[in-house]
Amino acid sequence: LDLRDVAEVPIESLPFGTRKRVELARALIG
């Protein structure tokens, strides 16, 4: 999901499109 560069970044610092990929990652890890 192209999130490696922001792995240690707080969600509140990220743009909306990136946040959507994070939520997708959280669903997939389960």
PDB file of all heavy atoms in Angstrom:
ATOM      1  N   LEU A   1       0.806  -1.210   0.000  1.00  0.00           N
ATOM      2  CA  LEU A   1       0.000   0.000   0.000  1.00  0.00           C
ATOM      3  C   LEU A   1       0.846   1.269   0.000  1.00  0.00           C
ATOM      4  O   LEU A   1       0.317   2.365   0.234  1.00  0.00           O
ATOM      5  CB  LEU A   1      -0.944  -0.009   1.202  1.00  0.00           C
ATOM      6  CG  LEU A   1      -1.935  -1.180   1.225  1.00  0.00           C
ATOM      7  CD1 LEU A   1      -2.753  -1.175   2.498  1.00  0.00           C
ATOM      8  CD2 LEU A   1      -2.845  -1.142   0.018  1.00  0.00           C
ATOM      9  N   ASP A   2       2.142   1.119  -0.267  1.00  0.00           N
ATOM     10  CA  ASP A   2       3.048   2.266  -0.387  1.00  0.00           C
ATOM     11  C   ASP A   2       3.006   3.143   0.864  1.00  0.00           C
ATOM     12  O   ASP A   2       2.889   4.364   0.795  1.00  0.00           O
ATOM     13  CB  ASP A   2       2.681   3.091  -1.628  1.00  0.00           C
ATOM     14  CG  ASP A   2       3.778   4.089  -2.016  1.00  0.00           C
ATOM     15  OD1 ASP A   2       4.940   3.857  -1.638  1.00  0.00           O
ATOM     16  OD2 ASP A   2       3.459   5.087  -2.680  1.00  0.00           O
ATOM     17  N   LEU A   3       3.150   2.502   2.011  1.00  0.00           N
ATOM     18  CA  LEU A   3       3.084   3.208   3.286  1.00  0.00           C
ATOM     19  C   LEU A   3       4.391   3.151   4.076  1.00  0.00           C
ATOM     20  O   LEU A   3       4.470   3.687   5.185  1.00  0.00           O
ATOM     21  CB  LEU A   3       1.962   2.608   4.157  1.00  0.00           C
ATOM     22  CG  LEU A   3       0.528   2.806   3.668  1.00  0.00           C
ATOM     23  CD1 LEU A   3      -0.435   1.957   4.490  1.00  0.00           C
ATOM     24  CD2 LEU A   3       0.133   4.276   3.720  1.00  0.00           C
ATOM     25  N   ARG A   4       5.414   2.532   3.518  1.00  0.00           N
ATOM     26  CA  ARG A   4       6.642   2.326   4.289  1.00  0.00           C
ATOM     27  C   ARG A   4       7.271   3.646   4.729  1.00  0.00           C
ATOM     28  O   ARG A   4       7.746   3.764   5.865  1.00  0.00           O
ATOM     29  CB  ARG A   4       7.647   1.502   3.478  1.00  0.00           C
ATOM     30  CG  ARG A   4       8.948   1.232   4.236  1.00  0.00           C
ATOM     31  CD  ARG A   4       9.753   0.120   3.623  1.00  0.00           C
ATOM     32  NE  ARG A   4       9.027  -1.138   3.645  1.00  0.00           N
ATOM     33  CZ  ARG A   4       8.914  -1.907   4.726  1.00  0.00           C
ATOM     34  NH1 ARG A   4       9.454  -1.522   5.869  1.00  0.00           N
ATOM     35  NH2 ARG A   4       8.271  -3.046   4.672  1.00  0.00           N
ATOM     36  N   ASP A   5       7.254   4.643   3.877  1.00  0.00           N
ATOM     37  CA  ASP A   5       7.894   5.919   4.212  1.00  0.00           C
ATOM     38  C   ASP A   5       7.175   6.672   5.328  1.00  0.00           C
ATOM     39  O   ASP A   5       7.740   7.594   5.923  1.00  0.00           O
ATOM     40  CB  ASP A   5       7.996   6.811   2.977  1.00  0.00           C
ATOM     41  CG  ASP A   5       9.007   6.291   1.969  1.00  0.00           C
ATOM     42  OD1 ASP A   5       9.830   5.425   2.341  1.00  0.00           O
ATOM     43  OD2 ASP A   5       8.968   6.740   0.806  1.00  0.00           O
ATOM     44  N   VAL A   6       5.931   6.303   5.603  1.00  0.00           N
ATOM     45  CA  VAL A   6       5.163   7.009   6.641  1.00  0.00           C
ATOM     46  C   VAL A   6       4.792   6.074   7.794  1.00  0.00           C
ATOM     47  O   VAL A   6       3.933   6.400   8.608  1.00  0.00           O
ATOM     48  CB  VAL A   6       3.884   7.647   6.056  1.00  0.00           C
ATOM     49  CG1 VAL A   6       4.233   8.722   5.045  1.00  0.00           C
ATOM     50  CG2 VAL A   6       2.969   6.593   5.433  1.00  0.00           C
ATOM     51  N   ALA A   7       5.437   4.937   7.891  1.00  0.00           N
ATOM     52  CA  ALA A   7       5.068   3.926   8.881  1.00  0.00           C
ATOM     53  C   ALA A   7       5.094   4.453  10.312  1.00  0.00           C
ATOM     54  O   ALA A   7       4.273   4.060  11.142  1.00  0.00           O
ATOM     55  CB  ALA A   7       5.986   2.704   8.761  1.00  0.00           C
ATOM     56  N   GLU A   8       6.030   5.365  10.607  1.00  0.00           N
ATOM     57  CA  GLU A   8       6.161   5.870  11.979  1.00  0.00           C
ATOM     58  C   GLU A   8       5.579   7.280  12.133  1.00  0.00           C
ATOM     59  O   GLU A   8       5.832   7.958  13.130  1.00  0.00           O
ATOM     60  CB  GLU A   8       7.631   5.866  12.402  1.00  0.00           C
ATOM     61  CG  GLU A   8       8.358   4.560  12.134  1.00  0.00           C
ATOM     62  CD  GLU A   8       7.647   3.334  12.720  1.00  0.00           C
ATOM     63  OE1 GLU A   8       6.981   3.490  13.770  1.00  0.00           O
ATOM     64  OE2 GLU A   8       7.758   2.245  12.137  1.00  0.00           O
ATOM     65  N   VAL A   9       4.795   7.712  11.163  1.00  0.00           N
ATOM     66  CA  VAL A   9       4.197   9.047  11.181  1.00  0.00           C
ATOM     67  C   VAL A   9       2.795   8.982  11.784  1.00  0.00           C
ATOM     68  O   VAL A   9       2.012   8.089  11.444  1.00  0.00           O
ATOM     69  CB  VAL A   9       4.134   9.639   9.750  1.00  0.00           C
ATOM     70  CG1 VAL A   9       3.440  10.994   9.743  1.00  0.00           C
ATOM     71  CG2 VAL A   9       5.531   9.739   9.157  1.00  0.00           C
ATOM     72  N   PRO A  10       2.438   9.915  12.679  1.00  0.00           N
ATOM     73  CA  PRO A  10       1.070   9.939  13.213  1.00  0.00           C
ATOM     74  C   PRO A  10       0.043  10.203  12.112  1.00  0.00           C
ATOM     75  O   PRO A  10       0.303  10.953  11.167  1.00  0.00           O
ATOM     76  CB  PRO A  10       1.098  11.106  14.218  1.00  0.00           C
ATOM     77  CG  PRO A  10       2.532  11.298  14.556  1.00  0.00           C
ATOM     78  CD  PRO A  10       3.295  10.932  13.309  1.00  0.00           C
ATOM     79  N   ILE A  11      -1.102   9.585  12.241  1.00  0.00           N
ATOM     80  CA  ILE A  11      -2.161   9.703  11.244  1.00  0.00           C
ATOM     81  C   ILE A  11      -2.546  11.164  11.006  1.00  0.00           C
ATOM     82  O   ILE A  11      -2.798  11.586   9.869  1.00  0.00           O
ATOM     83  CB  ILE A  11      -3.401   8.905  11.693  1.00  0.00           C
ATOM     84  CG1 ILE A  11      -3.105   7.410  11.669  1.00  0.00           C
ATOM     85  CG2 ILE A  11      -4.611   9.215  10.807  1.00  0.00           C
ATOM     86  CD1 ILE A  11      -2.807   6.836  10.311  1.00  0.00           C
ATOM     87  N   GLU A  12      -2.589  11.953  12.061  1.00  0.00           N
ATOM     88  CA  GLU A  12      -3.044  13.338  11.940  1.00  0.00           C
ATOM     89  C   GLU A  12      -2.143  14.183  11.041  1.00  0.00           C
ATOM     90  O   GLU A  12      -2.553  15.257  10.587  1.00  0.00           O
ATOM     91  CB  GLU A  12      -3.138  13.972  13.325  1.00  0.00           C
ATOM     92  CG  GLU A  12      -1.840  14.005  14.090  1.00  0.00           C
ATOM     93  CD  GLU A  12      -2.027  14.382  15.545  1.00  0.00           C
ATOM     94  OE1 GLU A  12      -3.199  14.612  15.933  1.00  0.00           O
ATOM     95  OE2 GLU A  12      -1.027  14.436  16.287  1.00  0.00           O
ATOM     96  N   SER A  13      -0.943  13.702  10.736  1.00  0.00           N
ATOM     97  CA  SER A  13      -0.016  14.445   9.887  1.00  0.00           C
ATOM     98  C   SER A  13      -0.119  14.067   8.414  1.00  0.00           C
ATOM     99  O   SER A  13       0.594  14.632   7.580  1.00  0.00           O
ATOM    100  CB  SER A  13       1.427  14.210  10.363  1.00  0.00           C
ATOM    101  OG  SER A  13       1.589  14.583  11.709  1.00  0.00           O
ATOM    102  N   LEU A  14      -0.990  13.130   8.085  1.00  0.00           N
ATOM    103  CA  LEU A  14      -1.033  12.570   6.735  1.00  0.00           C
ATOM    104  C   LEU A  14      -2.214  13.105   5.927  1.00  0.00           C
ATOM    105  O   LEU A  14      -3.265  13.409   6.482  1.00  0.00           O
ATOM    106  CB  LEU A  14      -1.133  11.044   6.815  1.00  0.00           C
ATOM    107  CG  LEU A  14       0.048  10.340   7.493  1.00  0.00           C
ATOM    108  CD1 LEU A  14      -0.248   8.861   7.645  1.00  0.00           C
ATOM    109  CD2 LEU A  14       1.329  10.558   6.701  1.00  0.00           C
ATOM    110  N   PRO A  15      -2.066  13.189   4.591  1.00  0.00           N
ATOM    111  CA  PRO A  15      -3.177  13.611   3.743  1.00  0.00           C
ATOM    112  C   PRO A  15      -4.267  12.546   3.687  1.00  0.00           C
ATOM    113  O   PRO A  15      -4.044  11.378   4.022  1.00  0.00           O
ATOM    114  CB  PRO A  15      -2.519  13.814   2.377  1.00  0.00           C
ATOM    115  CG  PRO A  15      -1.299  12.968   2.403  1.00  0.00           C
ATOM    116  CD  PRO A  15      -0.820  12.967   3.818  1.00  0.00           C
ATOM    117  N   PHE A  16      -5.431  12.958   3.223  1.00  0.00           N
ATOM    118  CA  PHE A  16      -6.618  12.099   3.243  1.00  0.00           C
ATOM    119  C   PHE A  16      -6.405  10.799   2.464  1.00  0.00           C
ATOM    120  O   PHE A  16      -6.760   9.713   2.940  1.00  0.00           O
ATOM    121  CB  PHE A  16      -7.809  12.862   2.671  1.00  0.00           C
ATOM    122  CG  PHE A  16      -9.099  12.099   2.713  1.00  0.00           C
ATOM    123  CD1 PHE A  16      -9.795  11.948   3.897  1.00  0.00           C
ATOM    124  CD2 PHE A  16      -9.615  11.529   1.560  1.00  0.00           C
ATOM    125  CE1 PHE A  16     -10.992  11.236   3.943  1.00  0.00           C
ATOM    126  CE2 PHE A  16     -10.809  10.822   1.589  1.00  0.00           C
ATOM    127  CZ  PHE A  16     -11.503  10.675   2.783  1.00  0.00           C
ATOM    128  N   GLY A  17      -5.830  10.892   1.270  1.00  0.00           N
ATOM    129  CA  GLY A  17      -5.638   9.699   0.449  1.00  0.00           C
ATOM    130  C   GLY A  17      -4.763   8.668   1.126  1.00  0.00           C
ATOM    131  O   GLY A  17      -5.012   7.453   1.037  1.00  0.00           O
ATOM    132  N   THR A  18      -3.730   9.123   1.834  1.00  0.00           N
ATOM    133  CA  THR A  18      -2.850   8.213   2.557  1.00  0.00           C
ATOM    134  C   THR A  18      -3.589   7.576   3.725  1.00  0.00           C
ATOM    135  O   THR A  18      -3.440   6.378   4.004  1.00  0.00           O
ATOM    136  CB  THR A  18      -1.601   8.956   3.067  1.00  0.00           C
ATOM    137  OG1 THR A  18      -0.949   9.582   1.972  1.00  0.00           O
ATOM    138  CG2 THR A  18      -0.629   7.993   3.738  1.00  0.00           C
ATOM    139  N   ARG A  19      -4.397   8.358   4.406  1.00  0.00           N
ATOM    140  CA  ARG A  19      -5.175   7.817   5.527  1.00  0.00           C
ATOM    141  C   ARG A  19      -6.104   6.697   5.054  1.00  0.00           C
ATOM    142  O   ARG A  19      -6.322   5.716   5.771  1.00  0.00           O
ATOM    143  CB  ARG A  19      -5.993   8.914   6.194  1.00  0.00           C
ATOM    144  CG  ARG A  19      -5.166   9.998   6.857  1.00  0.00           C
ATOM    145  CD  ARG A  19      -6.064  10.991   7.584  1.00  0.00           C
ATOM    146  NE  ARG A  19      -5.332  12.171   8.012  1.00  0.00           N
ATOM    147  CZ  ARG A  19      -5.822  13.097   8.823  1.00  0.00           C
ATOM    148  NH1 ARG A  19      -7.052  12.989   9.280  1.00  0.00           N
ATOM    149  NH2 ARG A  19      -5.087  14.144   9.162  1.00  0.00           N
ATOM    150  N   LYS A  20      -6.663   6.850   3.874  1.00  0.00           N
ATOM    151  CA  LYS A  20      -7.552   5.813   3.356  1.00  0.00           C
ATOM    152  C   LYS A  20      -6.786   4.518   3.130  1.00  0.00           C
ATOM    153  O   LYS A  20      -7.310   3.418   3.368  1.00  0.00           O
ATOM    154  CB  LYS A  20      -8.225   6.277   2.052  1.00  0.00           C
ATOM    155  CG  LYS A  20      -9.095   7.501   2.230  1.00  0.00           C
ATOM    156  CD  LYS A  20     -10.199   7.595   1.197  1.00  0.00           C
ATOM    157  CE  LYS A  20     -11.311   6.632   1.501  1.00  0.00           C
ATOM    158  NZ  LYS A  20     -12.597   6.992   0.900  1.00  0.00           N
ATOM    159  N   ARG A  21      -5.536   4.619   2.691  1.00  0.00           N
ATOM    160  CA  ARG A  21      -4.719   3.415   2.507  1.00  0.00           C
ATOM    161  C   ARG A  21      -4.383   2.781   3.856  1.00  0.00           C
ATOM    162  O   ARG A  21      -4.306   1.557   3.961  1.00  0.00           O
ATOM    163  CB  ARG A  21      -3.444   3.731   1.735  1.00  0.00           C
ATOM    164  CG  ARG A  21      -3.680   4.197   0.312  1.00  0.00           C
ATOM    165  CD  ARG A  21      -2.464   3.981  -0.576  1.00  0.00           C
ATOM    166  NE  ARG A  21      -1.254   4.575  -0.033  1.00  0.00           N
ATOM    167  CZ  ARG A  21      -0.886   5.829  -0.204  1.00  0.00           C
ATOM    168  NH1 ARG A  21      -1.666   6.654  -0.890  1.00  0.00           N
ATOM    169  NH2 ARG A  21       0.247   6.282   0.308  1.00  0.00           N
ATOM    170  N   VAL A  22      -4.206   3.605   4.873  1.00  0.00           N
ATOM    171  CA  VAL A  22      -3.934   3.073   6.210  1.00  0.00           C
ATOM    172  C   VAL A  22      -5.138   2.281   6.723  1.00  0.00           C
ATOM    173  O   VAL A  22      -4.996   1.185   7.285  1.00  0.00           O
ATOM    174  CB  VAL A  22      -3.582   4.204   7.197  1.00  0.00           C
ATOM    175  CG1 VAL A  22      -3.414   3.642   8.609  1.00  0.00           C
ATOM    176  CG2 VAL A  22      -2.304   4.918   6.765  1.00  0.00           C
ATOM    177  N   GLU A  23      -6.330   2.820   6.531  1.00  0.00           N
ATOM    178  CA  GLU A  23      -7.518   2.100   6.988  1.00  0.00           C
ATOM    179  C   GLU A  23      -7.678   0.784   6.230  1.00  0.00           C
ATOM    180  O   GLU A  23      -8.073  -0.232   6.802  1.00  0.00           O
ATOM    181  CB  GLU A  23      -8.773   2.961   6.841  1.00  0.00           C
ATOM    182  CG  GLU A  23      -9.951   2.324   7.550  1.00  0.00           C
ATOM    183  CD  GLU A  23     -11.168   3.218   7.614  1.00  0.00           C
ATOM    184  OE1 GLU A  23     -11.540   3.785   6.581  1.00  0.00           O
ATOM    185  OE2 GLU A  23     -11.744   3.326   8.701  1.00  0.00           O
ATOM    186  N   LEU A  24      -7.346   0.795   4.948  1.00  0.00           N
ATOM    187  CA  LEU A  24      -7.388  -0.439   4.165  1.00  0.00           C
ATOM    188  C   LEU A  24      -6.378  -1.441   4.708  1.00  0.00           C
ATOM    189  O   LEU A  24      -6.677  -2.637   4.847  1.00  0.00           O
ATOM    190  CB  LEU A  24      -7.106  -0.122   2.697  1.00  0.00           C
ATOM    191  CG  LEU A  24      -7.076  -1.293   1.720  1.00  0.00           C
ATOM    192  CD1 LEU A  24      -8.373  -2.091   1.779  1.00  0.00           C
ATOM    193  CD2 LEU A  24      -6.817  -0.787   0.305  1.00  0.00           C
ATOM    194  N   ALA A  25      -5.175  -0.965   5.045  1.00  0.00           N
ATOM    195  CA  ALA A  25      -4.148  -1.845   5.613  1.00  0.00           C
ATOM    196  C   ALA A  25      -4.613  -2.439   6.934  1.00  0.00           C
ATOM    197  O   ALA A  25      -4.388  -3.621   7.219  1.00  0.00           O
ATOM    198  CB  ALA A  25      -2.848  -1.065   5.805  1.00  0.00           C
ATOM    199  N   ARG A  26      -5.263  -1.619   7.770  1.00  0.00           N
ATOM    200  CA  ARG A  26      -5.744  -2.107   9.063  1.00  0.00           C
ATOM    201  C   ARG A  26      -6.793  -3.199   8.881  1.00  0.00           C
ATOM    202  O   ARG A  26      -6.847  -4.168   9.646  1.00  0.00           O
ATOM    203  CB  ARG A  26      -6.310  -0.960   9.890  1.00  0.00           C
ATOM    204  CG  ARG A  26      -6.661  -1.387  11.313  1.00  0.00           C
ATOM    205  CD  ARG A  26      -7.108  -0.229  12.165  1.00  0.00           C
ATOM    206  NE  ARG A  26      -8.344   0.365  11.676  1.00  0.00           N
ATOM    207  CZ  ARG A  26      -8.950   1.392  12.263  1.00  0.00           C
ATOM    208  NH1 ARG A  26      -8.403   1.951  13.335  1.00  0.00           N
ATOM    209  NH2 ARG A  26     -10.069   1.876  11.783  1.00  0.00           N
ATOM    210  N   ALA A  27      -7.638  -3.066   7.868  1.00  0.00           N
ATOM    211  CA  ALA A  27      -8.636  -4.103   7.597  1.00  0.00           C
ATOM    212  C   ALA A  27      -7.983  -5.379   7.070  1.00  0.00           C
ATOM    213  O   ALA A  27      -8.378  -6.483   7.431  1.00  0.00           O
ATOM    214  CB  ALA A  27      -9.671  -3.589   6.599  1.00  0.00           C
ATOM    215  N   LEU A  28      -6.960  -5.224   6.245  1.00  0.00           N
ATOM    216  CA  LEU A  28      -6.326  -6.389   5.629  1.00  0.00           C
ATOM    217  C   LEU A  28      -5.456  -7.182   6.599  1.00  0.00           C
ATOM    218  O   LEU A  28      -5.323  -8.399   6.452  1.00  0.00           O
ATOM    219  CB  LEU A  28      -5.479  -5.953   4.431  1.00  0.00           C
ATOM    220  CG  LEU A  28      -6.233  -5.601   3.152  1.00  0.00           C
ATOM    221  CD1 LEU A  28      -5.305  -4.973   2.137  1.00  0.00           C
ATOM    222  CD2 LEU A  28      -6.899  -6.848   2.573  1.00  0.00           C
ATOM    223  N   ILE A  29      -4.853  -6.507   7.569  1.00  0.00           N
ATOM    224  CA  ILE A  29      -3.947  -7.220   8.466  1.00  0.00           C
ATOM    225  C   ILE A  29      -4.688  -8.251   9.301  1.00  0.00           C
ATOM    226  O   ILE A  29      -4.106  -9.217   9.795  1.00  0.00           O
ATOM    227  CB  ILE A  29      -3.171  -6.240   9.365  1.00  0.00           C
ATOM    228  CG1 ILE A  29      -1.919  -6.926   9.916  1.00  0.00           C
ATOM    229  CG2 ILE A  29      -4.042  -5.698  10.482  1.00  0.00           C
ATOM    230  CD1 ILE A  29      -0.979  -6.000  10.643  1.00  0.00           C
ATOM    231  N   GLY A  30      -6.001  -8.082   9.436  1.00  0.00           N
ATOM    232  CA  GLY A  30      -6.805  -9.042  10.173  1.00  0.00           C
ATOM    233  C   GLY A  30      -7.109 -10.307   9.398  1.00  0.00           C
ATOM    234  O   GLY A  30      -7.846 -11.160   9.885  1.00  0.00           O
TER     235      GLY A  30
END
